[in-house]
Amino acid sequence: MKKLLILFCFLFALSQANAANHTIVFMTDFGVIDDSVAICKGVMLSIDPSLRIIDLTHQVETFSILDGARFLAGTAPYYPAGTVFVVVIDPGVGSARKAIVAKSKRGQYFVLPDNGLMTLVQEQDGIEESREITNTAMMVGGKLSSTFHGRDIFSPVGAHIAGGEDWTQVGPVVTNLVTLDIAPAKVEPGGITAEVIALDGPYGNLITNISEEQFNTLGYEVGQNVDVTIDKQNLSIPRERTFSDVPLNKPLIYITSRSVVGLAVNQGNFAKTYGVKPPARIFIPSRKK
C-alpha cells in the first residue's frame, strides 16, 4: 500500500511537471479586433496540440515596452518553473533588434524581442542564460515576414520549447540584454525620490516604483496625511488600506497588490484629476516627528 502511494505521488508530480512544461503565457499589444492573436495560437497548436495557452493580455498599450515589462514581472511569480512566456510588444520589428529566449533563475523561459521587456524580470529573478533566435528550423515558413515575427518566430519557438525541445538549440548565447532606463527609487534621510512608472489600467491609479518596504521607512501610519510632490505639484494625501477608506472622489495613497506605492481617487481617476502622465518624478518626504 505504501509503495502504491509513493508511486501515485511520483506519477502525480510527473504529470504536474509535464503540465507546467506545456504551458505558454501569451502577451501582446495586438488587441483583439483582428486575427493576429488567433493566428499565433494556431501556429503554437500546430506544433504541439497538447499546449495550454493562457492569455496574459493582448491589450498592452501600443508599443509600451515598459507596461509589458511590468506585467511580466508581476505575473511570473505566480507560474511554475518550466512555464514559457511568449511576448510580442515589438515596435522595432524587422530592424536589427534581436529575437531572444531568456531563461530566468526561477526556471522560466521568455521568448521575446530584446528591447527591454526583460528589465524588471531580470531585476526581480535574475537571468540564468539568454540566447539569440537564429535556428530557422524552429521558425515558420521559408520566408519570414518583416512585420509579423509574432507568427513566424516567437510563437513557433515558444511552442517548441514548451513542448520539451532543447531550448539551447535556438541559437548562440547573448551576454548583455537591452534594459529600460528606469531610475530606481532613491531612499535618503529626507525622503524618497522615485518615478510614477504606469497607470493601473482604465482606473487612472498611479503606479510607482517605491516598494512597500521603502515606503515604510518614512514613518507614515495608516490614516496619516502624506506630503507628496508629483513633478511640481504638491499634495497632501492620506495613507489608507483601500479605496473605500476615503469618501467618494477623494485621493489616497496605498500599497498595491504588487506591494508598491500607488495613488488613487476613490471611484475616480487620479491621473485625470491631477493631470499626471507617466513617467513622472515623485518625491515623498520622511514624516516629521
Protein backbone atom coordinates (compact mmCIF):
# COMPACT_ATOMS: atom_id res chain seq x y z
CA MET A 1 0.00 0.00 0.00
CA LYS A 2 2.82 2.35 0.92
CA LYS A 3 4.60 1.58 -2.37
CA LEU A 4 1.41 2.31 -4.32
CA LEU A 5 1.04 5.64 -2.52
CA ILE A 6 4.64 6.57 -3.33
CA LEU A 7 4.10 5.58 -6.98
CA PHE A 8 0.92 7.64 -7.15
CA CYS A 9 2.69 10.69 -5.70
CA PHE A 10 5.53 10.27 -8.18
CA LEU A 11 3.17 9.99 -11.16
CA PHE A 12 1.16 12.98 -9.96
CA ALA A 13 4.31 15.08 -9.58
CA LEU A 14 5.45 13.99 -13.04
CA SER A 15 2.12 14.93 -14.56
CA GLN A 16 2.28 18.34 -12.90
CA ALA A 17 5.79 18.90 -14.22
CA ASN A 18 4.69 17.94 -17.72
CA ALA A 19 1.70 20.28 -17.46
CA ALA A 20 3.97 23.16 -16.47
CA ASN A 21 6.29 22.43 -19.38
CA HIS A 22 3.37 22.56 -21.80
CA THR A 23 2.12 25.94 -20.63
CA ILE A 24 2.54 29.13 -22.64
CA VAL A 25 1.58 32.51 -21.21
CA PHE A 26 0.95 34.81 -24.16
CA MET A 27 1.06 38.62 -24.13
CA THR A 28 0.93 41.15 -26.97
CA ASP A 29 -0.16 44.67 -27.83
CA PHE A 30 -2.13 43.31 -30.83
CA GLY A 31 -5.59 43.91 -29.38
CA VAL A 32 -8.39 41.51 -30.28
CA ILE A 33 -10.05 43.31 -33.15
CA ASP A 34 -8.36 41.23 -35.85
CA ASP A 35 -6.95 37.74 -36.40
CA SER A 36 -3.34 38.25 -35.18
CA VAL A 37 -3.73 36.56 -31.78
CA ALA A 38 -5.67 33.63 -33.24
CA ILE A 39 -3.04 33.11 -35.95
CA CYS A 40 -0.23 32.99 -33.39
CA LYS A 41 -2.16 30.47 -31.28
CA GLY A 42 -2.80 28.39 -34.38
CA VAL A 43 0.92 28.26 -35.07
CA MET A 44 1.61 27.14 -31.50
CA LEU A 45 -1.05 24.43 -31.52
CA SER A 46 0.00 23.16 -34.94
CA ILE A 47 3.43 22.42 -33.46
CA ASP A 48 2.08 20.90 -30.23
CA PRO A 49 -1.69 20.35 -29.88
CA SER A 50 -1.25 19.50 -26.19
CA LEU A 51 -0.15 23.03 -25.28
CA ARG A 52 -2.09 25.03 -22.72
CA ILE A 53 -2.09 28.68 -23.84
CA ILE A 54 -3.01 31.30 -21.26
CA ASP A 55 -3.63 34.88 -22.31
CA LEU A 56 -1.89 37.32 -20.01
CA THR A 57 -3.30 40.24 -22.01
CA HIS A 58 -3.41 41.47 -25.57
CA GLN A 59 -4.41 44.98 -24.56
CA VAL A 60 -0.99 46.31 -23.59
CA GLU A 61 -0.81 49.96 -24.59
CA THR A 62 0.51 50.01 -28.14
CA PHE A 63 4.33 49.94 -28.24
CA SER A 64 4.61 50.22 -24.42
CA ILE A 65 7.64 48.11 -23.60
CA LEU A 66 7.52 49.41 -20.02
CA ASP A 67 3.97 48.13 -19.47
CA GLY A 68 4.94 44.79 -20.97
CA ALA A 69 7.96 44.56 -18.66
CA ARG A 70 5.79 45.46 -15.68
CA PHE A 71 3.13 42.86 -16.48
CA LEU A 72 5.77 40.17 -17.00
CA ALA A 73 7.41 40.84 -13.64
CA GLY A 74 4.05 40.96 -11.92
CA THR A 75 2.78 37.69 -13.43
CA ALA A 76 5.85 35.45 -13.50
CA PRO A 77 5.93 34.71 -9.72
CA TYR A 78 2.51 33.02 -9.96
CA TYR A 79 3.59 30.43 -12.54
CA PRO A 80 5.80 27.37 -12.02
CA ALA A 81 9.24 26.63 -13.37
CA GLY A 82 9.09 25.47 -16.98
CA THR A 83 6.41 27.96 -18.00
CA VAL A 84 7.12 29.66 -21.33
CA PHE A 85 6.19 33.33 -21.73
CA VAL A 86 5.74 34.44 -25.33
CA VAL A 87 5.66 38.22 -25.59
CA VAL A 88 5.20 40.34 -28.71
CA ILE A 89 5.48 44.05 -27.96
CA ASP A 90 7.83 44.90 -30.73
CA PRO A 91 7.98 48.44 -32.13
CA GLY A 92 11.35 47.53 -33.69
CA VAL A 93 10.07 44.51 -35.61
CA GLY A 94 12.13 43.86 -38.74
CA SER A 95 15.02 46.01 -37.52
CA ALA A 96 18.41 44.97 -36.13
CA ARG A 97 16.94 44.22 -32.70
CA LYS A 98 17.48 40.60 -31.66
CA ALA A 99 14.81 37.95 -31.12
CA ILE A 100 15.80 36.02 -27.99
CA VAL A 101 14.96 33.37 -25.44
CA ALA A 102 15.93 34.14 -21.85
CA LYS A 103 15.83 31.61 -19.02
CA SER A 104 15.34 33.12 -15.58
CA LYS A 105 16.87 31.75 -12.41
CA ARG A 106 13.36 30.63 -11.46
CA GLY A 107 13.48 28.22 -14.42
CA GLN A 108 11.02 30.07 -16.64
CA TYR A 109 11.54 30.86 -20.34
CA PHE A 110 10.84 34.18 -22.05
CA VAL A 111 10.55 34.27 -25.85
CA LEU A 112 10.51 37.87 -26.99
CA PRO A 113 12.33 40.75 -28.68
CA ASP A 114 15.43 42.05 -26.92
CA ASN A 115 14.10 45.57 -26.40
CA GLY A 116 13.88 45.97 -22.63
CA LEU A 117 10.95 43.66 -21.91
CA MET A 118 13.15 41.57 -19.59
CA THR A 119 14.30 44.55 -17.48
CA LEU A 120 12.10 44.01 -14.42
CA VAL A 121 12.17 40.19 -14.53
CA GLN A 122 15.96 40.41 -14.64
CA GLU A 123 15.98 42.68 -11.57
CA GLN A 124 13.44 40.52 -9.76
CA ASP A 125 14.52 36.94 -10.56
CA GLY A 126 17.87 37.13 -12.34
CA ILE A 127 18.77 35.61 -15.72
CA GLU A 128 20.47 32.22 -15.96
CA GLU A 129 21.20 32.47 -19.69
CA SER A 130 19.94 34.16 -22.84
CA ARG A 131 20.22 33.10 -26.49
CA GLU A 132 19.51 34.78 -29.79
CA ILE A 133 16.99 33.01 -32.02
CA THR A 134 18.78 32.13 -35.26
CA ASN A 135 17.74 28.49 -35.84
CA THR A 136 15.37 28.66 -38.80
CA ALA A 137 14.26 25.06 -38.20
CA MET A 138 12.34 26.32 -35.14
CA MET A 139 10.63 29.10 -37.11
CA VAL A 140 7.66 29.02 -39.51
CA GLY A 141 7.83 29.29 -43.28
CA GLY A 142 10.69 29.56 -45.72
CA LYS A 143 10.36 33.34 -45.98
CA LEU A 144 9.97 35.34 -42.79
CA SER A 145 7.67 38.33 -42.76
CA SER A 146 9.44 41.57 -41.85
CA THR A 147 6.42 42.71 -39.81
CA PHE A 148 4.89 39.60 -38.18
CA HIS A 149 7.61 37.94 -36.11
CA GLY A 150 4.94 37.04 -33.58
CA ARG A 151 3.69 34.45 -36.06
CA ASP A 152 6.94 33.44 -37.73
CA ILE A 153 9.46 33.46 -34.86
CA PHE A 154 8.16 33.96 -31.32
CA SER A 155 5.09 31.69 -31.46
CA PRO A 156 6.79 28.66 -33.04
CA VAL A 157 9.91 28.93 -30.88
CA GLY A 158 7.76 29.21 -27.76
CA ALA A 159 5.78 26.13 -28.81
CA HIS A 160 8.91 24.07 -29.45
CA ILE A 161 10.32 24.95 -26.02
CA ALA A 162 7.02 24.41 -24.18
CA GLY A 163 6.76 21.05 -25.92
CA GLY A 164 10.03 19.95 -24.37
CA GLU A 165 12.61 20.62 -27.08
CA ASP A 166 16.11 21.73 -26.07
CA TRP A 167 15.90 25.49 -25.77
CA THR A 168 19.65 25.94 -26.16
CA GLN A 169 19.26 24.96 -29.83
CA VAL A 170 17.58 28.26 -30.67
CA GLY A 171 20.93 29.95 -31.28
CA PRO A 172 24.06 31.47 -29.72
CA VAL A 173 24.41 32.91 -26.23
CA VAL A 174 23.64 36.61 -25.73
CA THR A 175 25.61 38.18 -22.89
CA ASN A 176 24.01 41.60 -22.45
CA LEU A 177 20.29 42.22 -22.78
CA VAL A 178 18.78 45.60 -23.60
CA THR A 179 17.38 47.24 -20.45
CA LEU A 180 14.96 50.11 -19.93
CA ASP A 181 16.24 53.30 -18.35
CA ILE A 182 14.18 53.19 -15.17
CA ALA A 183 15.73 55.17 -12.34
CA PRO A 184 15.36 53.12 -9.13
CA ALA A 185 13.70 54.70 -6.11
CA LYS A 186 16.33 56.65 -4.17
CA VAL A 187 15.98 56.50 -0.39
CA GLU A 188 17.67 59.30 1.55
CA PRO A 189 17.33 60.59 5.12
CA GLY A 190 14.96 63.32 3.95
CA GLY A 191 12.66 61.11 1.89
CA ILE A 192 12.28 59.06 -1.29
CA THR A 193 12.70 60.27 -4.86
CA ALA A 194 11.18 57.87 -7.38
CA GLU A 195 9.03 57.63 -10.50
CA VAL A 196 5.42 57.14 -11.44
CA ILE A 197 6.00 54.39 -13.97
CA ALA A 198 2.48 53.48 -15.10
CA LEU A 199 -1.27 53.76 -14.71
CA ASP A 200 -3.39 50.93 -13.36
CA GLY A 201 -5.46 50.02 -16.39
CA PRO A 202 -8.56 52.15 -17.03
CA TYR A 203 -8.81 53.37 -13.44
CA GLY A 204 -6.14 56.05 -13.61
CA ASN A 205 -4.38 54.95 -10.43
CA LEU A 206 -0.70 55.88 -10.37
CA ILE A 207 1.81 53.04 -10.03
CA THR A 208 5.22 53.98 -8.60
CA ASN A 209 8.49 52.10 -8.24
CA ILE A 210 8.53 52.64 -4.46
CA SER A 211 8.34 49.32 -2.64
CA GLU A 212 6.27 48.80 0.48
CA GLU A 213 9.47 48.30 2.49
CA GLN A 214 10.95 51.57 1.23
CA PHE A 215 7.75 53.49 1.95
CA ASN A 216 7.54 52.12 5.48
CA THR A 217 10.94 53.65 6.30
CA LEU A 218 9.34 57.10 6.00
CA GLY A 219 7.29 56.56 9.16
CA TYR A 220 3.73 57.17 7.95
CA GLU A 221 0.96 55.21 9.67
CA VAL A 222 -2.42 54.33 8.16
CA GLY A 223 -4.71 57.36 8.45
CA GLN A 224 -1.91 59.93 8.48
CA ASN A 225 -1.53 62.50 5.70
CA VAL A 226 1.44 62.10 3.40
CA ASP A 227 3.04 65.09 1.67
CA VAL A 228 3.65 64.19 -1.97
CA THR A 229 5.26 66.15 -4.79
CA ILE A 230 4.49 64.86 -8.29
CA ASP A 231 6.58 66.82 -10.78
CA LYS A 232 5.95 70.34 -9.38
CA GLN A 233 2.53 69.62 -7.87
CA ASN A 234 2.38 69.50 -4.04
CA LEU A 235 -0.36 67.38 -2.47
CA SER A 236 -1.31 66.15 0.98
CA ILE A 237 -2.93 62.71 0.75
CA PRO A 238 -3.95 60.25 3.50
CA ARG A 239 -2.32 56.85 3.69
CA GLU A 240 -5.10 54.24 3.71
CA ARG A 241 -5.52 50.49 3.25
CA THR A 242 -8.11 50.56 0.48
CA PHE A 243 -10.14 52.88 -1.72
CA SER A 244 -13.33 52.98 0.37
CA ASP A 245 -11.40 54.25 3.40
CA VAL A 246 -11.81 57.75 1.93
CA PRO A 247 -15.00 59.48 0.71
CA LEU A 248 -16.03 59.28 -2.95
CA ASN A 249 -13.79 61.28 -5.29
CA LYS A 250 -11.14 61.80 -2.61
CA PRO A 251 -7.50 60.74 -3.05
CA LEU A 252 -5.47 58.22 -1.09
CA ILE A 253 -2.00 56.71 -1.08
CA TYR A 254 -1.89 52.96 -0.54
CA ILE A 255 0.10 49.78 -1.05
CA THR A 256 -0.98 47.99 -4.23
CA SER A 257 -1.49 44.25 -4.64
CA ARG A 258 2.01 44.20 -6.17
CA SER A 259 3.46 45.65 -2.93
CA VAL A 260 4.39 49.04 -4.35
CA VAL A 261 3.06 52.53 -3.58
CA GLY A 262 0.02 53.63 -5.55
CA LEU A 263 -2.10 56.77 -5.62
CA ALA A 264 -5.79 56.66 -6.41
CA VAL A 265 -9.09 58.51 -6.17
CA ASN A 266 -11.99 56.53 -4.71
CA GLN A 267 -14.19 55.70 -7.71
CA GLY A 268 -12.37 58.36 -9.69
CA ASN A 269 -9.32 58.77 -11.90
CA PHE A 270 -6.21 60.15 -10.19
CA ALA A 271 -4.28 60.71 -13.44
CA LYS A 272 -7.07 62.81 -14.97
CA THR A 273 -7.97 64.60 -11.74
CA TYR A 274 -4.41 65.79 -11.13
CA GLY A 275 -3.13 65.87 -14.69
CA VAL A 276 -0.40 63.26 -14.24
CA LYS A 277 1.05 61.29 -17.15
CA PRO A 278 3.81 58.69 -16.63
CA PRO A 279 6.71 58.80 -16.47
CA ALA A 280 6.66 61.46 -13.73
CA ARG A 281 9.02 62.26 -10.87
CA ILE A 282 7.60 61.78 -7.36
CA PHE A 283 9.06 62.82 -4.01
CA ILE A 284 7.76 61.76 -0.59
CA PRO A 285 9.50 63.27 2.43
CA SER A 286 10.09 61.46 5.71
CA ARG A 287 7.33 62.11 8.25
CA LYS A 288 8.07 64.97 10.59
CA LYS A 289 8.13 63.87 14.20
